[in-house]
């Protein structure tokens, strides 16, 4: 346990999978004291007002802002309870993303100024569509066995690329 202002800071949450995401919407928000995780956490604010106190900084989030909370970072959400608080939270095992997007893919495209992500329908692309993507030079990546909703997959994929390229720090 770590200390913050002479208080004990608890480790919260667990991750038994490579990643886990969930969508939360409530009117009061869940009040938690300062805490930390063994995994990285990404928060996408959809609605509401919240400040994240992280170590010695406070970040004010507006709808559609993305916040990375690195593992072992002591943090707390300071929620404005006057309106609904809606967010998508993604817990990440960094080792999974290292395997998903190996350095060779990132290194080979280091000079690229932009990245194009193509996500398919729920259930994935047909084999001939994946073959066409390879023919035109796209790198094929997968989020694993889990099937993501077509609205969620682009957010998760964009966040994964930003995370892997250091653009969430």
C-alpha atoms as a PDB file:
ATOM      1  CA  UNK A   1       0.000   0.000   0.000  1.00  0.00           C
ATOM      2  CA  UNK A   2       1.152   3.503  -0.784  1.00  0.00           C
ATOM      3  CA  UNK A   3       0.469   6.636   1.234  1.00  0.00           C
ATOM      4  CA  UNK A   4      -1.188   9.878   0.112  1.00  0.00           C
ATOM      5  CA  UNK A   5      -1.597  12.655   2.662  1.00  0.00           C
ATOM      6  CA  UNK A   6      -0.974  10.147   5.478  1.00  0.00           C
ATOM      7  CA  UNK A   7      -3.827   7.931   4.230  1.00  0.00           C
ATOM      8  CA  UNK A   8      -3.487   4.434   2.869  1.00  0.00           C
ATOM      9  CA  UNK A   9      -4.175   4.088  -0.830  1.00  0.00           C
ATOM     10  CA  UNK A  10      -5.804   0.851  -1.855  1.00  0.00           C
ATOM     11  CA  UNK A  11      -5.094  -1.240  -4.913  1.00  0.00           C
ATOM     12  CA  UNK A  12      -8.392  -1.757  -6.740  1.00  0.00           C
ATOM     13  CA  UNK A  13      -9.635  -3.936  -9.533  1.00  0.00           C
ATOM     14  CA  UNK A  14      -8.156  -6.945 -11.196  1.00  0.00           C
ATOM     15  CA  UNK A  15      -7.642  -8.072 -14.757  1.00  0.00           C
ATOM     16  CA  UNK A  16      -7.834 -11.766 -15.608  1.00  0.00           C
ATOM     17  CA  UNK A  17      -8.046 -11.085 -19.356  1.00  0.00           C
ATOM     18  CA  UNK A  18      -5.835  -9.260 -21.844  1.00  0.00           C
ATOM     19  CA  UNK A  19      -8.257  -6.351 -21.696  1.00  0.00           C
ATOM     20  CA  UNK A  20     -11.724  -5.637 -20.393  1.00  0.00           C
ATOM     21  CA  UNK A  21     -14.049  -2.808 -21.300  1.00  0.00           C
ATOM     22  CA  UNK A  22     -17.362  -1.685 -19.940  1.00  0.00           C
ATOM     23  CA  UNK A  23     -19.853   1.124 -20.467  1.00  0.00           C
ATOM     24  CA  UNK A  24     -21.175   2.863 -17.347  1.00  0.00           C
ATOM     25  CA  UNK A  25     -23.914   5.463 -16.985  1.00  0.00           C
ATOM     26  CA  UNK A  26     -25.201   6.673 -13.663  1.00  0.00           C
ATOM     27  CA  UNK A  27     -26.510   9.860 -12.108  1.00  0.00           C
ATOM     28  CA  UNK A  28     -24.272  10.034  -9.056  1.00  0.00           C
ATOM     29  CA  UNK A  29     -21.080   8.380 -10.204  1.00  0.00           C
ATOM     30  CA  UNK A  30     -19.294   5.927  -8.006  1.00  0.00           C
ATOM     31  CA  UNK A  31     -17.353   7.754  -5.310  1.00  0.00           C
ATOM     32  CA  UNK A  32     -13.999   6.141  -4.671  1.00  0.00           C
ATOM     33  CA  UNK A  33     -11.089   7.303  -2.631  1.00  0.00           C
ATOM     34  CA  UNK A  34      -7.594   7.553  -4.095  1.00  0.00           C
ATOM     35  CA  UNK A  35      -6.499   4.171  -5.450  1.00  0.00           C
ATOM     36  CA  UNK A  36      -4.283   2.505  -8.063  1.00  0.00           C
ATOM     37  CA  UNK A  37      -4.372  -0.532 -10.373  1.00  0.00           C
ATOM     38  CA  UNK A  38      -1.867  -3.138 -11.505  1.00  0.00           C
ATOM     39  CA  UNK A  39      -3.049  -2.559 -15.096  1.00  0.00           C
ATOM     40  CA  UNK A  40      -3.429   0.514 -17.301  1.00  0.00           C
ATOM     41  CA  UNK A  41      -6.868   2.098 -17.578  1.00  0.00           C
ATOM     42  CA  UNK A  42      -8.296   4.259 -20.351  1.00  0.00           C
ATOM     43  CA  UNK A  43     -11.370   6.392 -19.711  1.00  0.00           C
ATOM     44  CA  UNK A  44     -13.486   7.792 -22.563  1.00  0.00           C
ATOM     45  CA  UNK A  45     -15.934  10.350 -21.182  1.00  0.00           C
ATOM     46  CA  UNK A  46     -19.210  10.320 -23.101  1.00  0.00           C
ATOM     47  CA  UNK A  47     -21.280  12.688 -20.949  1.00  0.00           C
ATOM     48  CA  UNK A  48     -21.043  14.551 -17.687  1.00  0.00           C
ATOM     49  CA  UNK A  49     -18.318  16.514 -15.962  1.00  0.00           C
ATOM     50  CA  UNK A  50     -15.434  14.958 -14.109  1.00  0.00           C
ATOM     51  CA  UNK A  51     -11.954  15.907 -12.975  1.00  0.00           C
ATOM     52  CA  UNK A  52      -9.341  13.199 -12.524  1.00  0.00           C
ATOM     53  CA  UNK A  53      -6.828  13.814  -9.742  1.00  0.00           C
ATOM     54  CA  UNK A  54      -3.726  11.858 -10.713  1.00  0.00           C
ATOM     55  CA  UNK A  55      -0.684  12.071  -8.470  1.00  0.00           C
ATOM     56  CA  UNK A  56       0.041  15.836  -8.364  1.00  0.00           C
ATOM     57  CA  UNK A  57      -2.105  16.850 -11.387  1.00  0.00           C
ATOM     58  CA  UNK A  58      -5.820  17.347 -12.014  1.00  0.00           C
ATOM     59  CA  UNK A  59      -7.275  16.783 -15.493  1.00  0.00           C
ATOM     60  CA  UNK A  60     -10.696  18.195 -16.418  1.00  0.00           C
ATOM     61  CA  UNK A  61     -12.473  15.948 -18.905  1.00  0.00           C
ATOM     62  CA  UNK A  62     -15.076  17.047 -21.404  1.00  0.00           C
ATOM     63  CA  UNK A  63     -17.254  14.661 -23.432  1.00  0.00           C
ATOM     64  CA  UNK A  64     -15.174  12.603 -25.884  1.00  0.00           C
ATOM     65  CA  UNK A  65     -11.922  13.238 -24.018  1.00  0.00           C
ATOM     66  CA  UNK A  66      -9.720  10.181 -23.488  1.00  0.00           C
ATOM     67  CA  UNK A  67      -7.603   9.795 -20.364  1.00  0.00           C
ATOM     68  CA  UNK A  68      -4.851   7.223 -19.788  1.00  0.00           C
ATOM     69  CA  UNK A  69      -4.263   6.180 -16.194  1.00  0.00           C
ATOM     70  CA  UNK A  70      -1.005   4.240 -16.160  1.00  0.00           C
ATOM     71  CA  UNK A  71      -0.593   1.273 -13.835  1.00  0.00           C
ATOM     72  CA  UNK A  72       0.451   2.164 -10.273  1.00  0.00           C
ATOM     73  CA  UNK A  73      -0.711   5.796 -10.749  1.00  0.00           C
ATOM     74  CA  UNK A  74      -2.615   6.995  -7.698  1.00  0.00           C
ATOM     75  CA  UNK A  75      -5.844   8.597  -8.891  1.00  0.00           C
ATOM     76  CA  UNK A  76      -9.425   9.541  -8.039  1.00  0.00           C
ATOM     77  CA  UNK A  77     -12.402  10.714 -10.117  1.00  0.00           C
ATOM     78  CA  UNK A  78     -13.963  13.948  -8.836  1.00  0.00           C
ATOM     79  CA  UNK A  79     -17.475  13.726 -10.268  1.00  0.00           C
ATOM     80  CA  UNK A  80     -19.924  16.599 -10.768  1.00  0.00           C
ATOM     81  CA  UNK A  81     -23.121  14.909  -9.572  1.00  0.00           C
ATOM     82  CA  UNK A  82     -25.465  17.492 -11.111  1.00  0.00           C
ATOM     83  CA  UNK A  83     -25.690  15.556 -14.398  1.00  0.00           C
ATOM     84  CA  UNK A  84     -25.397  11.936 -15.569  1.00  0.00           C
ATOM     85  CA  UNK A  85     -21.866  10.561 -15.727  1.00  0.00           C
ATOM     86  CA  UNK A  86     -21.381   8.274 -18.729  1.00  0.00           C
ATOM     87  CA  UNK A  87     -18.089   6.693 -19.731  1.00  0.00           C
ATOM     88  CA  UNK A  88     -16.407   3.758 -21.414  1.00  0.00           C
ATOM     89  CA  UNK A  89     -13.581   2.271 -19.393  1.00  0.00           C
ATOM     90  CA  UNK A  90     -10.940  -0.013 -20.843  1.00  0.00           C
ATOM     91  CA  UNK A  91      -8.567  -2.011 -18.631  1.00  0.00           C
ATOM     92  CA  UNK A  92      -5.382  -3.000 -20.482  1.00  0.00           C
ATOM     93  CA  UNK A  93      -2.626  -5.528 -19.966  1.00  0.00           C
ATOM     94  CA  UNK A  94       0.295  -3.807 -21.730  1.00  0.00           C
ATOM     95  CA  UNK A  95       1.903  -7.149 -22.602  1.00  0.00           C
ATOM     96  CA  UNK A  96      -1.172  -8.009 -24.696  1.00  0.00           C
ATOM     97  CA  UNK A  97      -0.778  -4.876 -26.813  1.00  0.00           C
ATOM     98  CA  UNK A  98       2.932  -5.528 -27.219  1.00  0.00           C
ATOM     99  CA  UNK A  99       2.002  -8.893 -28.760  1.00  0.00           C
ATOM    100  CA  UNK A 100      -0.942  -7.461 -30.733  1.00  0.00           C
ATOM    101  CA  UNK A 101       1.087  -4.687 -32.355  1.00  0.00           C
ATOM    102  CA  UNK A 102       4.685  -5.851 -32.278  1.00  0.00           C
ATOM    103  CA  UNK A 103       7.432  -3.269 -32.507  1.00  0.00           C
ATOM    104  CA  UNK A 104       8.263  -4.478 -36.012  1.00  0.00           C
ATOM    105  CA  UNK A 105       4.914  -3.181 -37.324  1.00  0.00           C
ATOM    106  CA  UNK A 106       5.361   0.143 -35.545  1.00  0.00           C
ATOM    107  CA  UNK A 107       9.050   0.427 -36.488  1.00  0.00           C
ATOM    108  CA  UNK A 108       8.343  -0.342 -40.141  1.00  0.00           C
ATOM    109  CA  UNK A 109       5.903   2.555 -40.241  1.00  0.00           C
ATOM    110  CA  UNK A 110       7.681   4.987 -37.930  1.00  0.00           C
ATOM    111  CA  UNK A 111       7.906   7.670 -40.635  1.00  0.00           C
ATOM    112  CA  UNK A 112       4.154   7.532 -41.261  1.00  0.00           C
ATOM    113  CA  UNK A 113       2.402  10.750 -40.354  1.00  0.00           C
ATOM    114  CA  UNK A 114      -1.080   9.231 -40.320  1.00  0.00           C
ATOM    115  CA  UNK A 115      -2.663   5.883 -39.572  1.00  0.00           C
ATOM    116  CA  UNK A 116      -5.809   4.512 -41.170  1.00  0.00           C
ATOM    117  CA  UNK A 117      -7.847   2.030 -39.171  1.00  0.00           C
ATOM    118  CA  UNK A 118     -10.413  -0.196 -40.825  1.00  0.00           C
ATOM    119  CA  UNK A 119     -12.881  -1.991 -38.604  1.00  0.00           C
ATOM    120  CA  UNK A 120     -15.366  -4.487 -39.879  1.00  0.00           C
ATOM    121  CA  UNK A 121     -18.818  -5.657 -38.982  1.00  0.00           C
ATOM    122  CA  UNK A 122     -19.530  -7.582 -35.806  1.00  0.00           C
ATOM    123  CA  UNK A 123     -18.032 -10.997 -36.426  1.00  0.00           C
ATOM    124  CA  UNK A 124     -15.212  -9.666 -38.563  1.00  0.00           C
ATOM    125  CA  UNK A 125     -14.291  -9.450 -42.206  1.00  0.00           C
ATOM    126  CA  UNK A 126     -14.865 -12.219 -44.708  1.00  0.00           C
ATOM    127  CA  UNK A 127     -11.660 -14.083 -45.651  1.00  0.00           C
ATOM    128  CA  UNK A 128     -11.559 -12.489 -49.122  1.00  0.00           C
ATOM    129  CA  UNK A 129     -11.817  -9.003 -47.553  1.00  0.00           C
ATOM    130  CA  UNK A 130      -8.836  -9.734 -45.292  1.00  0.00           C
ATOM    131  CA  UNK A 131      -6.904 -11.047 -48.317  1.00  0.00           C
ATOM    132  CA  UNK A 132      -7.637  -7.833 -50.250  1.00  0.00           C
ATOM    133  CA  UNK A 133      -6.421  -5.764 -47.293  1.00  0.00           C
ATOM    134  CA  UNK A 134      -3.135  -7.677 -47.245  1.00  0.00           C
ATOM    135  CA  UNK A 135      -2.725  -7.260 -51.029  1.00  0.00           C
ATOM    136  CA  UNK A 136      -2.946  -3.460 -50.730  1.00  0.00           C
ATOM    137  CA  UNK A 137      -0.391  -3.493 -47.908  1.00  0.00           C
ATOM    138  CA  UNK A 138      -2.513  -3.196 -44.761  1.00  0.00           C
ATOM    139  CA  UNK A 139      -1.255  -4.775 -41.543  1.00  0.00           C
ATOM    140  CA  UNK A 140      -3.858  -7.135 -40.135  1.00  0.00           C
ATOM    141  CA  UNK A 141      -4.365  -6.960 -36.367  1.00  0.00           C
ATOM    142  CA  UNK A 142      -6.980  -8.572 -34.194  1.00  0.00           C
ATOM    143  CA  UNK A 143      -8.442  -7.807 -30.798  1.00  0.00           C
ATOM    144  CA  UNK A 144      -8.481 -11.544 -30.090  1.00  0.00           C
ATOM    145  CA  UNK A 145     -11.408 -13.863 -29.598  1.00  0.00           C
ATOM    146  CA  UNK A 146     -13.741 -11.208 -28.223  1.00  0.00           C
ATOM    147  CA  UNK A 147     -16.280  -9.812 -30.687  1.00  0.00           C
ATOM    148  CA  UNK A 148     -16.719  -6.075 -30.240  1.00  0.00           C
ATOM    149  CA  UNK A 149     -19.787  -4.130 -31.256  1.00  0.00           C
ATOM    150  CA  UNK A 150     -19.366  -2.135 -34.469  1.00  0.00           C
ATOM    151  CA  UNK A 151     -19.739   1.132 -32.460  1.00  0.00           C
ATOM    152  CA  UNK A 152     -17.119   0.080 -29.903  1.00  0.00           C
ATOM    153  CA  UNK A 153     -14.444  -1.455 -32.149  1.00  0.00           C
ATOM    154  CA  UNK A 154     -13.231   1.848 -33.702  1.00  0.00           C
ATOM    155  CA  UNK A 155     -12.859   3.457 -30.259  1.00  0.00           C
ATOM    156  CA  UNK A 156     -10.934   0.458 -28.911  1.00  0.00           C
ATOM    157  CA  UNK A 157      -8.740   0.228 -32.038  1.00  0.00           C
ATOM    158  CA  UNK A 158      -7.953   3.963 -32.056  1.00  0.00           C
ATOM    159  CA  UNK A 159      -7.124   3.878 -28.369  1.00  0.00           C
ATOM    160  CA  UNK A 160      -4.906   0.813 -28.838  1.00  0.00           C
ATOM    161  CA  UNK A 161      -2.909   2.537 -31.611  1.00  0.00           C
ATOM    162  CA  UNK A 162      -2.603   5.756 -29.595  1.00  0.00           C
ATOM    163  CA  UNK A 163      -1.490   3.730 -26.585  1.00  0.00           C
ATOM    164  CA  UNK A 164       1.034   1.669 -28.544  1.00  0.00           C
ATOM    165  CA  UNK A 165       2.553   4.746 -30.209  1.00  0.00           C
ATOM    166  CA  UNK A 166       2.823   6.763 -27.005  1.00  0.00           C
ATOM    167  CA  UNK A 167       0.163   9.296 -27.956  1.00  0.00           C
ATOM    168  CA  UNK A 168      -1.832   8.988 -24.730  1.00  0.00           C
ATOM    169  CA  UNK A 169       0.888  10.113 -22.384  1.00  0.00           C
END
